[in-house]
C-alpha atoms as a PDB file:
ATOM      1  CA  UNK A   1     140.646 208.967 144.576  1.00  0.00           C
ATOM      2  CA  UNK A   2     144.376 208.729 143.958  1.00  0.00           C
ATOM      3  CA  UNK A   3     144.398 205.360 145.733  1.00  0.00           C
ATOM      4  CA  UNK A   4     142.703 206.678 148.887  1.00  0.00           C
ATOM      5  CA  UNK A   5     139.228 205.960 150.246  1.00  0.00           C
ATOM      6  CA  UNK A   6     136.618 208.696 149.887  1.00  0.00           C
ATOM      7  CA  UNK A   7     134.699 208.951 153.193  1.00  0.00           C
ATOM      8  CA  UNK A   8     131.152 210.127 152.379  1.00  0.00           C
ATOM      9  CA  UNK A   9     129.837 213.089 154.375  1.00  0.00           C
ATOM     10  CA  UNK A  10     126.125 212.198 154.559  1.00  0.00           C
ATOM     11  CA  UNK A  11     125.157 215.542 156.130  1.00  0.00           C
ATOM     12  CA  UNK A  12     126.592 217.458 153.153  1.00  0.00           C
ATOM     13  CA  UNK A  13     125.388 215.008 150.494  1.00  0.00           C
ATOM     14  CA  UNK A  14     122.006 214.711 148.781  1.00  0.00           C
ATOM     15  CA  UNK A  15     120.441 212.861 145.834  1.00  0.00           C
ATOM     16  CA  UNK A  16     122.213 215.063 143.267  1.00  0.00           C
ATOM     17  CA  UNK A  17     125.630 215.544 144.915  1.00  0.00           C
ATOM     18  CA  UNK A  18     127.933 213.446 147.070  1.00  0.00           C
ATOM     19  CA  UNK A  19     130.510 215.119 149.310  1.00  0.00           C
ATOM     20  CA  UNK A  20     133.411 213.112 150.647  1.00  0.00           C
ATOM     21  CA  UNK A  21     136.774 213.581 152.342  1.00  0.00           C
ATOM     22  CA  UNK A  22     140.070 211.993 151.425  1.00  0.00           C
ATOM     23  CA  UNK A  23     143.390 212.087 153.284  1.00  0.00           C
ATOM     24  CA  UNK A  24     145.832 214.797 152.233  1.00  0.00           C
ATOM     25  CA  UNK A  25     147.497 213.874 148.962  1.00  0.00           C
ATOM     26  CA  UNK A  26     150.559 215.817 147.906  1.00  0.00           C
ATOM     27  CA  UNK A  27     150.042 216.484 144.217  1.00  0.00           C
ATOM     28  CA  UNK A  28     151.272 219.447 142.224  1.00  0.00           C
ATOM     29  CA  UNK A  29     147.734 220.895 142.337  1.00  0.00           C
ATOM     30  CA  UNK A  30     147.127 220.350 146.060  1.00  0.00           C
ATOM     31  CA  UNK A  31     150.545 221.670 147.013  1.00  0.00           C
ATOM     32  CA  UNK A  32     150.011 224.828 144.952  1.00  0.00           C
ATOM     33  CA  UNK A  33     146.391 225.454 145.975  1.00  0.00           C
ATOM     34  CA  UNK A  34     145.993 223.953 149.440  1.00  0.00           C
ATOM     35  CA  UNK A  35     149.558 223.870 150.797  1.00  0.00           C
ATOM     36  CA  UNK A  36     149.243 220.118 151.299  1.00  0.00           C
ATOM     37  CA  UNK A  37     152.688 218.884 152.208  1.00  0.00           C
ATOM     38  CA  UNK A  38     153.526 215.996 154.496  1.00  0.00           C
ATOM     39  CA  UNK A  39     156.998 215.208 155.723  1.00  0.00           C
ATOM     40  CA  UNK A  40     158.436 211.754 155.248  1.00  0.00           C
ATOM     41  CA  UNK A  41     161.225 209.675 153.810  1.00  0.00           C
ATOM     42  CA  UNK A  42     161.162 209.690 150.029  1.00  0.00           C
ATOM     43  CA  UNK A  43     162.329 206.101 149.554  1.00  0.00           C
ATOM     44  CA  UNK A  44     159.624 203.974 147.980  1.00  0.00           C
ATOM     45  CA  UNK A  45     157.714 206.993 146.641  1.00  0.00           C
ATOM     46  CA  UNK A  46     159.449 207.246 143.319  1.00  0.00           C
ATOM     47  CA  UNK A  47     162.061 205.814 141.014  1.00  0.00           C
ATOM     48  CA  UNK A  48     165.717 206.744 141.525  1.00  0.00           C
ATOM     49  CA  UNK A  49     167.870 207.131 138.438  1.00  0.00           C
ATOM     50  CA  UNK A  50     171.304 208.544 137.819  1.00  0.00           C
ATOM     51  CA  UNK A  51     174.726 207.915 136.439  1.00  0.00           C
ATOM     52  CA  UNK A  52     175.659 205.477 139.232  1.00  0.00           C
ATOM     53  CA  UNK A  53     174.698 201.788 139.315  1.00  0.00           C
ATOM     54  CA  UNK A  54     171.391 200.688 140.871  1.00  0.00           C
ATOM     55  CA  UNK A  55     173.227 199.235 143.879  1.00  0.00           C
ATOM     56  CA  UNK A  56     174.992 202.560 144.444  1.00  0.00           C
ATOM     57  CA  UNK A  57     171.772 204.571 144.020  1.00  0.00           C
ATOM     58  CA  UNK A  58     170.142 202.360 146.679  1.00  0.00           C
ATOM     59  CA  UNK A  59     172.659 203.745 149.192  1.00  0.00           C
ATOM     60  CA  UNK A  60     171.012 207.179 148.930  1.00  0.00           C
ATOM     61  CA  UNK A  61     168.135 206.046 151.144  1.00  0.00           C
ATOM     62  CA  UNK A  62     169.656 203.222 153.194  1.00  0.00           C
ATOM     63  CA  UNK A  63     169.721 205.344 156.415  1.00  0.00           C
ATOM     64  CA  UNK A  64     173.451 204.666 156.779  1.00  0.00           C
ATOM     65  CA  UNK A  65     175.247 207.963 156.462  1.00  0.00           C
ATOM     66  CA  UNK A  66     178.633 206.280 156.673  1.00  0.00           C
ATOM     67  CA  UNK A  67     178.203 204.080 153.565  1.00  0.00           C
ATOM     68  CA  UNK A  68     179.407 206.152 150.615  1.00  0.00           C
ATOM     69  CA  UNK A  69     177.541 206.232 147.332  1.00  0.00           C
ATOM     70  CA  UNK A  70     180.189 206.070 144.614  1.00  0.00           C
ATOM     71  CA  UNK A  71     179.665 207.313 141.088  1.00  0.00           C
ATOM     72  CA  UNK A  72     182.565 206.527 138.778  1.00  0.00           C
ATOM     73  CA  UNK A  73     181.294 208.920 136.098  1.00  0.00           C
ATOM     74  CA  UNK A  74     184.119 211.270 135.235  1.00  0.00           C
ATOM     75  CA  UNK A  75     181.895 214.251 134.378  1.00  0.00           C
ATOM     76  CA  UNK A  76     178.338 215.439 134.940  1.00  0.00           C
ATOM     77  CA  UNK A  77     177.362 212.811 137.508  1.00  0.00           C
ATOM     78  CA  UNK A  78     173.826 213.102 138.915  1.00  0.00           C
ATOM     79  CA  UNK A  79     171.041 211.339 140.766  1.00  0.00           C
ATOM     80  CA  UNK A  80     167.351 212.145 140.746  1.00  0.00           C
ATOM     81  CA  UNK A  81     163.960 210.787 141.762  1.00  0.00           C
ATOM     82  CA  UNK A  82     160.908 210.662 139.512  1.00  0.00           C
ATOM     83  CA  UNK A  83     157.575 210.678 141.337  1.00  0.00           C
ATOM     84  CA  UNK A  84     154.395 209.236 139.858  1.00  0.00           C
ATOM     85  CA  UNK A  85     152.514 211.485 137.442  1.00  0.00           C
ATOM     86  CA  UNK A  86     151.140 214.743 138.922  1.00  0.00           C
ATOM     87  CA  UNK A  87     152.917 214.132 142.243  1.00  0.00           C
ATOM     88  CA  UNK A  88     155.750 216.200 143.641  1.00  0.00           C
ATOM     89  CA  UNK A  89     158.321 215.925 146.372  1.00  0.00           C
ATOM     90  CA  UNK A  90     159.135 218.747 148.720  1.00  0.00           C
ATOM     91  CA  UNK A  91     162.726 218.883 149.854  1.00  0.00           C
ATOM     92  CA  UNK A  92     162.858 219.528 153.584  1.00  0.00           C
ATOM     93  CA  UNK A  93     166.342 218.333 154.497  1.00  0.00           C
ATOM     94  CA  UNK A  94     169.422 217.170 152.640  1.00  0.00           C
ATOM     95  CA  UNK A  95     172.584 215.622 153.985  1.00  0.00           C
ATOM     96  CA  UNK A  96     175.357 215.777 151.444  1.00  0.00           C
ATOM     97  CA  UNK A  97     178.829 214.508 152.259  1.00  0.00           C
ATOM     98  CA  UNK A  98     181.915 214.578 150.071  1.00  0.00           C
ATOM     99  CA  UNK A  99     184.657 212.429 151.551  1.00  0.00           C
ATOM    100  CA  UNK A 100     188.347 212.914 150.944  1.00  0.00           C
ATOM    101  CA  UNK A 101     187.894 216.319 149.328  1.00  0.00           C
ATOM    102  CA  UNK A 102     191.362 217.759 149.351  1.00  0.00           C
ATOM    103  CA  UNK A 103     190.879 220.165 146.447  1.00  0.00           C
ATOM    104  CA  UNK A 104     187.521 222.000 146.568  1.00  0.00           C
ATOM    105  CA  UNK A 105     188.251 224.045 143.438  1.00  0.00           C
ATOM    106  CA  UNK A 106     186.373 221.774 140.955  1.00  0.00           C
ATOM    107  CA  UNK A 107     183.173 222.041 143.026  1.00  0.00           C
ATOM    108  CA  UNK A 108     183.082 225.806 143.591  1.00  0.00           C
ATOM    109  CA  UNK A 109     180.200 227.168 141.537  1.00  0.00           C
ATOM    110  CA  UNK A 110     179.492 223.745 139.995  1.00  0.00           C
ATOM    111  CA  UNK A 111     177.221 222.010 142.548  1.00  0.00           C
ATOM    112  CA  UNK A 112     173.541 222.316 141.652  1.00  0.00           C
ATOM    113  CA  UNK A 113     170.719 221.522 144.104  1.00  0.00           C
END
């Protein structure tokens, strides 16, 4: 089930019905109905896309907070992650740094998270 083994519960199973247990899987359904959420690093769980190059997008999850991701897009730059179908990510923590920001005016009211 969803790539996980289903461990059969023989005591709860009979000839007409099999009951089994699987590890918690964070899907849209399980998160909404069972509050199944596990914390972890999102790298490797989805596909990153955005207006920056692939090498720049890779810096988002390189665990090196001092290596800047640079997006040369002049307007409407973005990055996002697409999880596999029916799966969701739960944002627990974000570290967002803007270096050399001398004029904050363009960002006021324009950053969307």
